[in-house]
Amino acid sequence: MTRPRRHGEPRDTDAPRQEPLYDEDVPTPSHAEYARTLLQRVDMGVLSTHASELDGHPYGSLVIYGVHEGEPVLLISALAEHTKNLERSPRCSLLVHERGPDNPLAMARATFVASAERVEGPARESVAASFLARHPEAKYYADFTDFAYWRLRVSGIRYIGGFGRMSWVEPGAWSAAEPDPIMEHAKGIIDHMNEDHADALRLYSEAFSRSGPVPEAVMTGIDRYGFEMSVTTEQGPRPVRVAFDEPIASSADARAAMVALVKRARAQLGQEPPR
């Protein structure tokens, strides 16, 4: 019987799938939550519209956006090609992606399929406030007569969290999801743990995964439910996820949760805390 290939696996390989080092059922954000957080954290993307000058062919353009009541909002000029396209056909999509030094195809991105509508009347003031809170530099042209706010009414979301992690997000899950409450603190926590608590990271891996003793563990991500590491093993770098005892909502919560996990890890490994 032929073994089905995983996404991205070479066609001519019969290598067995590596068993994960951790319980994959540990609490993890849903793809809807990941997409909500990504939309909130990033502030620019690629808007695809139907080109009115090219028989409706897809036309991509770089835009900045805000978020109002969970949906992307744009401030765009009537002179722009994408605005002309939206006036002819409101069907569009917005691609939002993480940026960083790593392989871009291994990083998170989401495509928001939507129908665009120009914002007019009483709603304009609140939409403008949401947009300008993220892009205060836009204030100097926001009141130009050729500029207007547009709201993207999202009807479908395709989330890709890297190689092999992807799905269409269910509308109900999208409506219920919220951005991760510690996303603004994540980088600081990750940097602090990697720079000052490398010993604790190794301890987490050895106590809460099947890695055994490891020479190095690097924190790569953190969210309300737990955190992720890349640990060095004989088979190369492997991912490990560790869950918090309960969801956190602040950097203070994260610190308390990390301390509690260190104590539990030492107890589990039979280690005495340093005096």
C-alpha atoms as a PDB file:
ATOM      1  CA  MET A   1       0.000   0.000   0.000  1.00  0.00           C
ATOM      2  CA  THR A   2       1.437   3.391  -0.991  1.00  0.00           C
ATOM      3  CA  ARG A   3       1.866   5.814   1.866  1.00  0.00           C
ATOM      4  CA  PRO A   4       0.218   9.202   1.130  1.00  0.00           C
ATOM      5  CA  ARG A   5       2.679  12.069   0.863  1.00  0.00           C
ATOM      6  CA  ARG A   6       2.669  14.958   3.251  1.00  0.00           C
ATOM      7  CA  HIS A   7       2.543  18.486   1.905  1.00  0.00           C
ATOM      8  CA  GLY A   8       5.992  19.425   0.624  1.00  0.00           C
ATOM      9  CA  GLU A   9       7.440  15.923   0.890  1.00  0.00           C
ATOM     10  CA  PRO A  10       9.641  14.862  -2.045  1.00  0.00           C
ATOM     11  CA  ARG A  11       7.862  12.514  -4.439  1.00  0.00           C
ATOM     12  CA  ASP A  12      10.568   9.861  -4.374  1.00  0.00           C
ATOM     13  CA  THR A  13      10.952   9.520  -0.600  1.00  0.00           C
ATOM     14  CA  ASP A  14       9.831   6.566   1.472  1.00  0.00           C
ATOM     15  CA  ALA A  15      11.294   7.970   4.688  1.00  0.00           C
ATOM     16  CA  PRO A  16       9.020   7.390   7.669  1.00  0.00           C
ATOM     17  CA  ARG A  17       7.234  10.398   9.116  1.00  0.00           C
ATOM     18  CA  GLN A  18       8.969  11.705  12.216  1.00  0.00           C
ATOM     19  CA  GLU A  19       6.790  11.301  15.276  1.00  0.00           C
ATOM     20  CA  PRO A  20       6.187  14.640  16.977  1.00  0.00           C
ATOM     21  CA  LEU A  21       8.061  15.291  20.196  1.00  0.00           C
ATOM     22  CA  TYR A  22       4.973  16.645  21.954  1.00  0.00           C
ATOM     23  CA  ASP A  23       1.280  15.908  22.293  1.00  0.00           C
ATOM     24  CA  GLU A  24      -0.311  17.594  19.294  1.00  0.00           C
ATOM     25  CA  ASP A  25      -3.595  17.865  21.200  1.00  0.00           C
ATOM     26  CA  VAL A  26      -2.212  20.491  23.588  1.00  0.00           C
ATOM     27  CA  PRO A  27      -4.217  23.744  23.508  1.00  0.00           C
ATOM     28  CA  THR A  28      -3.292  25.735  20.407  1.00  0.00           C
ATOM     29  CA  PRO A  29      -4.913  28.758  18.719  1.00  0.00           C
ATOM     30  CA  SER A  30      -7.329  27.846  15.954  1.00  0.00           C
ATOM     31  CA  HIS A  31      -6.643  28.954  12.401  1.00  0.00           C
ATOM     32  CA  ALA A  32      -9.407  31.523  12.892  1.00  0.00           C
ATOM     33  CA  GLU A  33      -7.570  32.951  15.918  1.00  0.00           C
ATOM     34  CA  TYR A  34      -4.249  32.921  14.073  1.00  0.00           C
ATOM     35  CA  ALA A  35      -5.837  34.774  11.135  1.00  0.00           C
ATOM     36  CA  ARG A  36      -7.480  37.342  13.454  1.00  0.00           C
ATOM     37  CA  THR A  37      -4.167  37.984  15.170  1.00  0.00           C
ATOM     38  CA  LEU A  38      -2.292  38.276  11.877  1.00  0.00           C
ATOM     39  CA  LEU A  39      -4.833  40.754  10.492  1.00  0.00           C
ATOM     40  CA  GLN A  40      -4.562  42.871  13.637  1.00  0.00           C
ATOM     41  CA  ARG A  41      -0.763  42.763  13.917  1.00  0.00           C
ATOM     42  CA  VAL A  42       0.141  43.519  10.273  1.00  0.00           C
ATOM     43  CA  ASP A  43      -0.870  46.827   8.677  1.00  0.00           C
ATOM     44  CA  MET A  44      -0.274  46.329   4.951  1.00  0.00           C
ATOM     45  CA  GLY A  45      -1.063  43.749   2.310  1.00  0.00           C
ATOM     46  CA  VAL A  46      -1.727  43.057  -1.359  1.00  0.00           C
ATOM     47  CA  LEU A  47      -5.193  44.022  -2.582  1.00  0.00           C
ATOM     48  CA  SER A  48      -6.361  42.050  -5.623  1.00  0.00           C
ATOM     49  CA  THR A  49      -9.107  43.546  -7.764  1.00  0.00           C
ATOM     50  CA  HIS A  50     -10.553  42.945 -11.233  1.00  0.00           C
ATOM     51  CA  ALA A  51      -8.717  45.203 -13.688  1.00  0.00           C
ATOM     52  CA  SER A  52     -11.258  47.310 -15.533  1.00  0.00           C
ATOM     53  CA  GLU A  53      -8.669  48.119 -18.236  1.00  0.00           C
ATOM     54  CA  LEU A  54      -7.641  44.473 -18.767  1.00  0.00           C
ATOM     55  CA  ASP A  55     -10.878  42.552 -19.248  1.00  0.00           C
ATOM     56  CA  GLY A  56     -11.209  41.787 -15.551  1.00  0.00           C
ATOM     57  CA  HIS A  57      -7.836  40.130 -15.099  1.00  0.00           C
ATOM     58  CA  PRO A  58      -6.582  40.009 -11.485  1.00  0.00           C
ATOM     59  CA  TYR A  59      -4.707  43.158 -10.499  1.00  0.00           C
ATOM     60  CA  GLY A  60      -2.570  43.299  -7.355  1.00  0.00           C
ATOM     61  CA  SER A  61      -1.543  46.453  -5.533  1.00  0.00           C
ATOM     62  CA  LEU A  62       0.126  47.225  -2.227  1.00  0.00           C
ATOM     63  CA  VAL A  63      -2.141  48.928   0.307  1.00  0.00           C
ATOM     64  CA  ILE A  64      -2.102  49.882   3.967  1.00  0.00           C
ATOM     65  CA  TYR A  65      -5.166  49.024   5.989  1.00  0.00           C
ATOM     66  CA  GLY A  66      -6.834  49.458   9.350  1.00  0.00           C
ATOM     67  CA  VAL A  67      -9.206  47.138  11.176  1.00  0.00           C
ATOM     68  CA  HIS A  68     -12.699  48.239  12.153  1.00  0.00           C
ATOM     69  CA  GLU A  69     -15.062  45.853  13.939  1.00  0.00           C
ATOM     70  CA  GLY A  70     -12.931  42.929  12.791  1.00  0.00           C
ATOM     71  CA  GLU A  71     -12.825  43.846   9.087  1.00  0.00           C
ATOM     72  CA  PRO A  72     -10.123  45.525   6.980  1.00  0.00           C
ATOM     73  CA  VAL A  73     -10.697  49.172   6.017  1.00  0.00           C
ATOM     74  CA  LEU A  74      -8.818  51.138   3.365  1.00  0.00           C
ATOM     75  CA  LEU A  75      -8.241  54.808   2.650  1.00  0.00           C
ATOM     76  CA  ILE A  76      -7.736  55.004  -1.106  1.00  0.00           C
ATOM     77  CA  SER A  77      -7.782  57.609  -3.845  1.00  0.00           C
ATOM     78  CA  ALA A  78     -10.295  57.693  -6.686  1.00  0.00           C
ATOM     79  CA  LEU A  79      -7.295  58.144  -8.976  1.00  0.00           C
ATOM     80  CA  ALA A  80      -5.854  54.725  -8.064  1.00  0.00           C
ATOM     81  CA  GLU A  81      -6.401  51.793 -10.417  1.00  0.00           C
ATOM     82  CA  HIS A  82      -7.628  49.548  -7.621  1.00  0.00           C
ATOM     83  CA  THR A  83     -10.304  52.099  -6.668  1.00  0.00           C
ATOM     84  CA  LYS A  84     -11.522  52.276 -10.263  1.00  0.00           C
ATOM     85  CA  ASN A  85     -11.613  48.500 -10.301  1.00  0.00           C
ATOM     86  CA  LEU A  86     -13.652  48.324  -7.082  1.00  0.00           C
ATOM     87  CA  GLU A  87     -16.140  50.848  -8.410  1.00  0.00           C
ATOM     88  CA  ARG A  88     -16.749  48.518 -11.336  1.00  0.00           C
ATOM     89  CA  SER A  89     -16.621  45.235  -9.398  1.00  0.00           C
ATOM     90  CA  PRO A  90     -16.514  45.097  -5.582  1.00  0.00           C
ATOM     91  CA  ARG A  91     -15.159  41.533  -5.523  1.00  0.00           C
ATOM     92  CA  CYS A  92     -11.624  41.511  -4.171  1.00  0.00           C
ATOM     93  CA  SER A  93      -9.195  39.852  -1.790  1.00  0.00           C
ATOM     94  CA  LEU A  94      -6.530  41.053   0.613  1.00  0.00           C
ATOM     95  CA  LEU A  95      -3.358  39.012   1.170  1.00  0.00           C
ATOM     96  CA  VAL A  96      -1.697  39.683   4.525  1.00  0.00           C
ATOM     97  CA  HIS A  97       1.578  38.024   5.491  1.00  0.00           C
ATOM     98  CA  GLU A  98       4.215  37.955   8.197  1.00  0.00           C
ATOM     99  CA  ARG A  99       7.531  39.571   7.436  1.00  0.00           C
ATOM    100  CA  GLY A 100      10.891  38.521   8.792  1.00  0.00           C
ATOM    101  CA  PRO A 101      14.297  36.997   8.063  1.00  0.00           C
ATOM    102  CA  ASP A 102      13.029  33.417   7.756  1.00  0.00           C
ATOM    103  CA  ASN A 103      11.892  31.603   4.617  1.00  0.00           C
ATOM    104  CA  PRO A 104       8.743  33.552   3.650  1.00  0.00           C
ATOM    105  CA  LEU A 105       6.957  30.343   2.647  1.00  0.00           C
ATOM    106  CA  ALA A 106       7.418  29.043   6.201  1.00  0.00           C
ATOM    107  CA  MET A 107       5.735  32.120   7.693  1.00  0.00           C
ATOM    108  CA  ALA A 108       2.058  32.828   8.256  1.00  0.00           C
ATOM    109  CA  ARG A 109      -0.195  34.469   5.707  1.00  0.00           C
ATOM    110  CA  ALA A 110      -3.924  34.766   5.094  1.00  0.00           C
ATOM    111  CA  THR A 111      -6.084  35.701   2.138  1.00  0.00           C
ATOM    112  CA  PHE A 112      -9.308  37.514   2.984  1.00  0.00           C
ATOM    113  CA  VAL A 113     -11.895  37.137   0.248  1.00  0.00           C
ATOM    114  CA  ALA A 114     -14.269  40.084   0.397  1.00  0.00           C
ATOM    115  CA  SER A 115     -16.686  42.487  -1.198  1.00  0.00           C
ATOM    116  CA  ALA A 116     -15.668  46.131  -0.903  1.00  0.00           C
ATOM    117  CA  GLU A 117     -18.049  48.967  -0.136  1.00  0.00           C
ATOM    118  CA  ARG A 118     -17.423  52.674   0.136  1.00  0.00           C
ATOM    119  CA  VAL A 119     -18.044  53.997   3.653  1.00  0.00           C
ATOM    120  CA  GLU A 120     -20.396  56.953   3.791  1.00  0.00           C
ATOM    121  CA  GLY A 121     -22.708  58.582   6.308  1.00  0.00           C
ATOM    122  CA  PRO A 122     -22.433  58.246  10.100  1.00  0.00           C
ATOM    123  CA  ALA A 123     -20.145  55.183   9.919  1.00  0.00           C
ATOM    124  CA  ARG A 124     -17.370  57.194   8.268  1.00  0.00           C
ATOM    125  CA  GLU A 125     -16.227  58.868  11.491  1.00  0.00           C
ATOM    126  CA  SER A 126     -15.668  55.626  13.429  1.00  0.00           C
ATOM    127  CA  VAL A 127     -14.025  53.913  10.445  1.00  0.00           C
ATOM    128  CA  ALA A 128     -11.710  56.910  10.004  1.00  0.00           C
ATOM    129  CA  ALA A 129     -10.773  56.791  13.692  1.00  0.00           C
ATOM    130  CA  SER A 130      -9.859  53.099  13.431  1.00  0.00           C
ATOM    131  CA  PHE A 131      -7.765  53.625  10.312  1.00  0.00           C
ATOM    132  CA  LEU A 132      -5.931  56.739  11.522  1.00  0.00           C
ATOM    133  CA  ALA A 133      -5.147  55.142  14.885  1.00  0.00           C
ATOM    134  CA  ARG A 134      -2.936  52.685  12.989  1.00  0.00           C
ATOM    135  CA  HIS A 135      -1.732  55.124  10.322  1.00  0.00           C
ATOM    136  CA  PRO A 136      -1.545  58.608  11.874  1.00  0.00           C
ATOM    137  CA  GLU A 137       0.689  59.755   9.001  1.00  0.00           C
ATOM    138  CA  ALA A 138      -2.369  59.496   6.729  1.00  0.00           C
ATOM    139  CA  LYS A 139      -4.067  62.426   8.467  1.00  0.00           C
ATOM    140  CA  TYR A 140      -2.508  64.937   6.118  1.00  0.00           C
ATOM    141  CA  TYR A 141      -4.291  63.507   3.062  1.00  0.00           C
ATOM    142  CA  ALA A 142      -7.328  61.810   4.666  1.00  0.00           C
ATOM    143  CA  ASP A 143      -9.584  64.788   3.916  1.00  0.00           C
ATOM    144  CA  PHE A 144      -8.509  65.265   0.299  1.00  0.00           C
ATOM    145  CA  THR A 145     -11.619  65.200  -1.865  1.00  0.00           C
ATOM    146  CA  ASP A 146     -10.419  62.272  -3.997  1.00  0.00           C
ATOM    147  CA  PHE A 147      -9.823  59.990  -0.975  1.00  0.00           C
ATOM    148  CA  ALA A 148     -12.485  57.786   0.572  1.00  0.00           C
ATOM    149  CA  TYR A 149     -12.718  54.960   3.105  1.00  0.00           C
ATOM    150  CA  TRP A 150     -13.664  51.497   1.922  1.00  0.00           C
ATOM    151  CA  ARG A 151     -14.658  48.552   4.079  1.00  0.00           C
ATOM    152  CA  LEU A 152     -13.898  44.961   3.022  1.00  0.00           C
ATOM    153  CA  ARG A 153     -16.823  42.711   3.953  1.00  0.00           C
ATOM    154  CA  VAL A 154     -15.000  39.423   4.485  1.00  0.00           C
ATOM    155  CA  SER A 155     -16.784  36.310   3.202  1.00  0.00           C
ATOM    156  CA  GLY A 156     -13.941  33.777   3.178  1.00  0.00           C
ATOM    157  CA  ILE A 157     -10.513  33.295   4.759  1.00  0.00           C
ATOM    158  CA  ARG A 158      -7.692  30.999   3.683  1.00  0.00           C
ATOM    159  CA  TYR A 159      -5.053  30.694   6.409  1.00  0.00           C
ATOM    160  CA  ILE A 160      -1.583  29.222   5.876  1.00  0.00           C
ATOM    161  CA  GLY A 161       0.643  28.954   8.918  1.00  0.00           C
ATOM    162  CA  GLY A 162       3.672  27.575   7.112  1.00  0.00           C
ATOM    163  CA  PHE A 163       4.439  24.258   5.459  1.00  0.00           C
ATOM    164  CA  GLY A 164       1.583  21.803   5.906  1.00  0.00           C
ATOM    165  CA  ARG A 165      -0.595  24.044   8.135  1.00  0.00           C
ATOM    166  CA  MET A 166      -3.478  25.444   6.144  1.00  0.00           C
ATOM    167  CA  SER A 167      -7.252  25.512   5.924  1.00  0.00           C
ATOM    168  CA  TRP A 168     -10.294  27.506   4.933  1.00  0.00           C
ATOM    169  CA  VAL A 169     -11.613  29.176   8.090  1.00  0.00           C
ATOM    170  CA  GLU A 170     -15.251  28.499   8.908  1.00  0.00           C
ATOM    171  CA  PRO A 171     -17.392  31.685   9.010  1.00  0.00           C
ATOM    172  CA  GLY A 172     -18.684  30.872  12.496  1.00  0.00           C
ATOM    173  CA  ALA A 173     -15.161  30.354  13.834  1.00  0.00           C
ATOM    174  CA  TRP A 174     -14.059  33.630  12.253  1.00  0.00           C
ATOM    175  CA  SER A 175     -16.918  35.558  13.879  1.00  0.00           C
ATOM    176  CA  ALA A 176     -16.119  34.128  17.304  1.00  0.00           C
ATOM    177  CA  ALA A 177     -12.325  34.521  17.120  1.00  0.00           C
ATOM    178  CA  GLU A 178     -10.403  37.350  18.765  1.00  0.00           C
ATOM    179  CA  PRO A 179      -6.820  38.580  18.287  1.00  0.00           C
ATOM    180  CA  ASP A 180      -4.314  37.103  20.722  1.00  0.00           C
ATOM    181  CA  PRO A 181      -4.155  39.396  23.791  1.00  0.00           C
ATOM    182  CA  ILE A 182      -0.381  39.168  24.190  1.00  0.00           C
ATOM    183  CA  MET A 183       0.616  39.681  20.551  1.00  0.00           C
ATOM    184  CA  GLU A 184       2.087  43.115  21.360  1.00  0.00           C
ATOM    185  CA  HIS A 185       4.293  41.591  24.071  1.00  0.00           C
ATOM    186  CA  ALA A 186       5.299  38.413  22.230  1.00  0.00           C
ATOM    187  CA  LYS A 187       8.599  39.646  20.767  1.00  0.00           C
ATOM    188  CA  GLY A 188       9.778  41.018  24.098  1.00  0.00           C
ATOM    189  CA  ILE A 189       8.936  37.800  25.911  1.00  0.00           C
ATOM    190  CA  ILE A 190      10.637  35.660  23.256  1.00  0.00           C
ATOM    191  CA  ASP A 191      13.792  37.801  23.258  1.00  0.00           C
ATOM    192  CA  HIS A 192      13.945  37.793  27.068  1.00  0.00           C
ATOM    193  CA  MET A 193      13.541  34.024  27.358  1.00  0.00           C
ATOM    194  CA  ASN A 194      16.129  33.297  24.661  1.00  0.00           C
ATOM    195  CA  GLU A 195      18.679  35.769  26.029  1.00  0.00           C
ATOM    196  CA  ASP A 196      18.273  35.225  29.780  1.00  0.00           C
ATOM    197  CA  HIS A 197      16.599  31.860  30.368  1.00  0.00           C
ATOM    198  CA  ALA A 198      18.117  29.343  27.965  1.00  0.00           C
ATOM    199  CA  ASP A 199      18.401  26.841  30.807  1.00  0.00           C
ATOM    200  CA  ALA A 200      14.662  27.057  31.508  1.00  0.00           C
ATOM    201  CA  LEU A 201      13.856  26.448  27.840  1.00  0.00           C
ATOM    202  CA  ARG A 202      15.924  23.261  27.820  1.00  0.00           C
ATOM    203  CA  LEU A 203      14.194  22.237  31.045  1.00  0.00           C
ATOM    204  CA  TYR A 204      10.750  22.717  29.475  1.00  0.00           C
ATOM    205  CA  SER A 205      11.694  20.530  26.524  1.00  0.00           C
ATOM    206  CA  GLU A 206      13.173  17.750  28.654  1.00  0.00           C
ATOM    207  CA  ALA A 207      10.205  17.694  31.077  1.00  0.00           C
ATOM    208  CA  PHE A 208       7.239  18.289  28.789  1.00  0.00           C
ATOM    209  CA  SER A 209       8.250  16.576  25.538  1.00  0.00           C
ATOM    210  CA  ARG A 210       9.892  13.405  24.339  1.00  0.00           C
ATOM    211  CA  SER A 211      13.105  15.166  23.316  1.00  0.00           C
ATOM    212  CA  GLY A 212      15.229  13.924  26.209  1.00  0.00           C
ATOM    213  CA  PRO A 213      18.272  16.056  27.136  1.00  0.00           C
ATOM    214  CA  VAL A 214      18.950  18.726  24.499  1.00  0.00           C
ATOM    215  CA  PRO A 215      21.925  21.056  24.052  1.00  0.00           C
ATOM    216  CA  GLU A 216      19.762  23.967  22.945  1.00  0.00           C
ATOM    217  CA  ALA A 217      16.138  25.091  22.896  1.00  0.00           C
ATOM    218  CA  VAL A 218      15.016  28.389  21.347  1.00  0.00           C
ATOM    219  CA  MET A 219      11.605  29.937  21.886  1.00  0.00           C
ATOM    220  CA  THR A 220      10.025  30.774  18.526  1.00  0.00           C
ATOM    221  CA  GLY A 221       6.474  31.809  19.420  1.00  0.00           C
ATOM    222  CA  ILE A 222       4.062  32.481  22.262  1.00  0.00           C
ATOM    223  CA  ASP A 223       0.304  32.969  22.504  1.00  0.00           C
ATOM    224  CA  ARG A 224      -2.420  32.920  25.115  1.00  0.00           C
ATOM    225  CA  TYR A 225      -2.444  29.116  25.293  1.00  0.00           C
ATOM    226  CA  GLY A 226       1.268  28.280  25.363  1.00  0.00           C
ATOM    227  CA  PHE A 227       4.560  28.664  23.553  1.00  0.00           C
ATOM    228  CA  GLU A 228       6.652  26.969  20.881  1.00  0.00           C
ATOM    229  CA  MET A 229      10.339  26.124  20.717  1.00  0.00           C
ATOM    230  CA  SER A 230      12.841  24.774  18.238  1.00  0.00           C
ATOM    231  CA  VAL A 231      15.007  22.211  20.029  1.00  0.00           C
ATOM    232  CA  THR A 232      18.289  20.766  18.792  1.00  0.00           C
ATOM    233  CA  THR A 233      18.260  16.957  18.564  1.00  0.00           C
ATOM    234  CA  GLU A 234      20.348  14.273  16.868  1.00  0.00           C
ATOM    235  CA  GLN A 235      17.842  14.413  13.997  1.00  0.00           C
ATOM    236  CA  GLY A 236      18.244  18.173  13.668  1.00  0.00           C
ATOM    237  CA  PRO A 237      15.987  20.995  14.908  1.00  0.00           C
ATOM    238  CA  ARG A 238      12.537  19.800  15.997  1.00  0.00           C
ATOM    239  CA  PRO A 239       9.449  21.757  17.124  1.00  0.00           C
ATOM    240  CA  VAL A 240       8.075  21.472  20.647  1.00  0.00           C
ATOM    241  CA  ARG A 241       4.944  23.125  22.009  1.00  0.00           C
ATOM    242  CA  VAL A 242       4.226  23.546  25.718  1.00  0.00           C
ATOM    243  CA  ALA A 243       0.808  24.580  27.035  1.00  0.00           C
ATOM    244  CA  PHE A 244       0.158  26.895  29.955  1.00  0.00           C
ATOM    245  CA  ASP A 245      -1.984  25.610  32.802  1.00  0.00           C
ATOM    246  CA  GLU A 246      -4.599  28.183  31.774  1.00  0.00           C
ATOM    247  CA  PRO A 247      -4.811  30.901  29.100  1.00  0.00           C
ATOM    248  CA  ILE A 248      -2.883  34.111  29.781  1.00  0.00           C
ATOM    249  CA  ALA A 249      -3.786  37.685  28.897  1.00  0.00           C
ATOM    250  CA  SER A 250      -0.755  39.834  29.742  1.00  0.00           C
ATOM    251  CA  SER A 251       3.024  39.836  29.995  1.00  0.00           C
ATOM    252  CA  ALA A 252       2.678  39.527  33.796  1.00  0.00           C
ATOM    253  CA  ASP A 253       0.554  36.423  33.287  1.00  0.00           C
ATOM    254  CA  ALA A 254       3.234  35.031  30.968  1.00  0.00           C
ATOM    255  CA  ARG A 255       5.958  35.518  33.566  1.00  0.00           C
ATOM    256  CA  ALA A 256       3.906  33.818  36.277  1.00  0.00           C
ATOM    257  CA  ALA A 257       3.054  30.928  33.956  1.00  0.00           C
ATOM    258  CA  MET A 258       6.702  30.428  32.969  1.00  0.00           C
ATOM    259  CA  VAL A 259       7.809  30.376  36.621  1.00  0.00           C
ATOM    260  CA  ALA A 260       5.101  27.836  37.467  1.00  0.00           C
ATOM    261  CA  LEU A 261       6.203  25.617  34.585  1.00  0.00           C
ATOM    262  CA  VAL A 262       9.849  25.739  35.695  1.00  0.00           C
ATOM    263  CA  LYS A 263       8.838  24.555  39.165  1.00  0.00           C
ATOM    264  CA  ARG A 264       6.707  21.768  37.721  1.00  0.00           C
ATOM    265  CA  ALA A 265       9.484  20.742  35.292  1.00  0.00           C
ATOM    266  CA  ARG A 266      12.058  20.508  38.090  1.00  0.00           C
ATOM    267  CA  ALA A 267       9.693  18.440  40.203  1.00  0.00           C
ATOM    268  CA  GLN A 268       8.940  16.151  37.279  1.00  0.00           C
ATOM    269  CA  LEU A 269      12.641  15.644  36.534  1.00  0.00           C
ATOM    270  CA  GLY A 270      13.513  15.206  40.196  1.00  0.00           C
ATOM    271  CA  GLN A 271      15.705  18.295  40.297  1.00  0.00           C
ATOM    272  CA  GLU A 272      16.163  20.515  43.324  1.00  0.00           C
ATOM    273  CA  PRO A 273      15.808  24.250  42.681  1.00  0.00           C
ATOM    274  CA  PRO A 274      19.082  26.215  42.946  1.00  0.00           C
ATOM    275  CA  ARG A 275      19.790  27.767  46.334  1.00  0.00           C
END
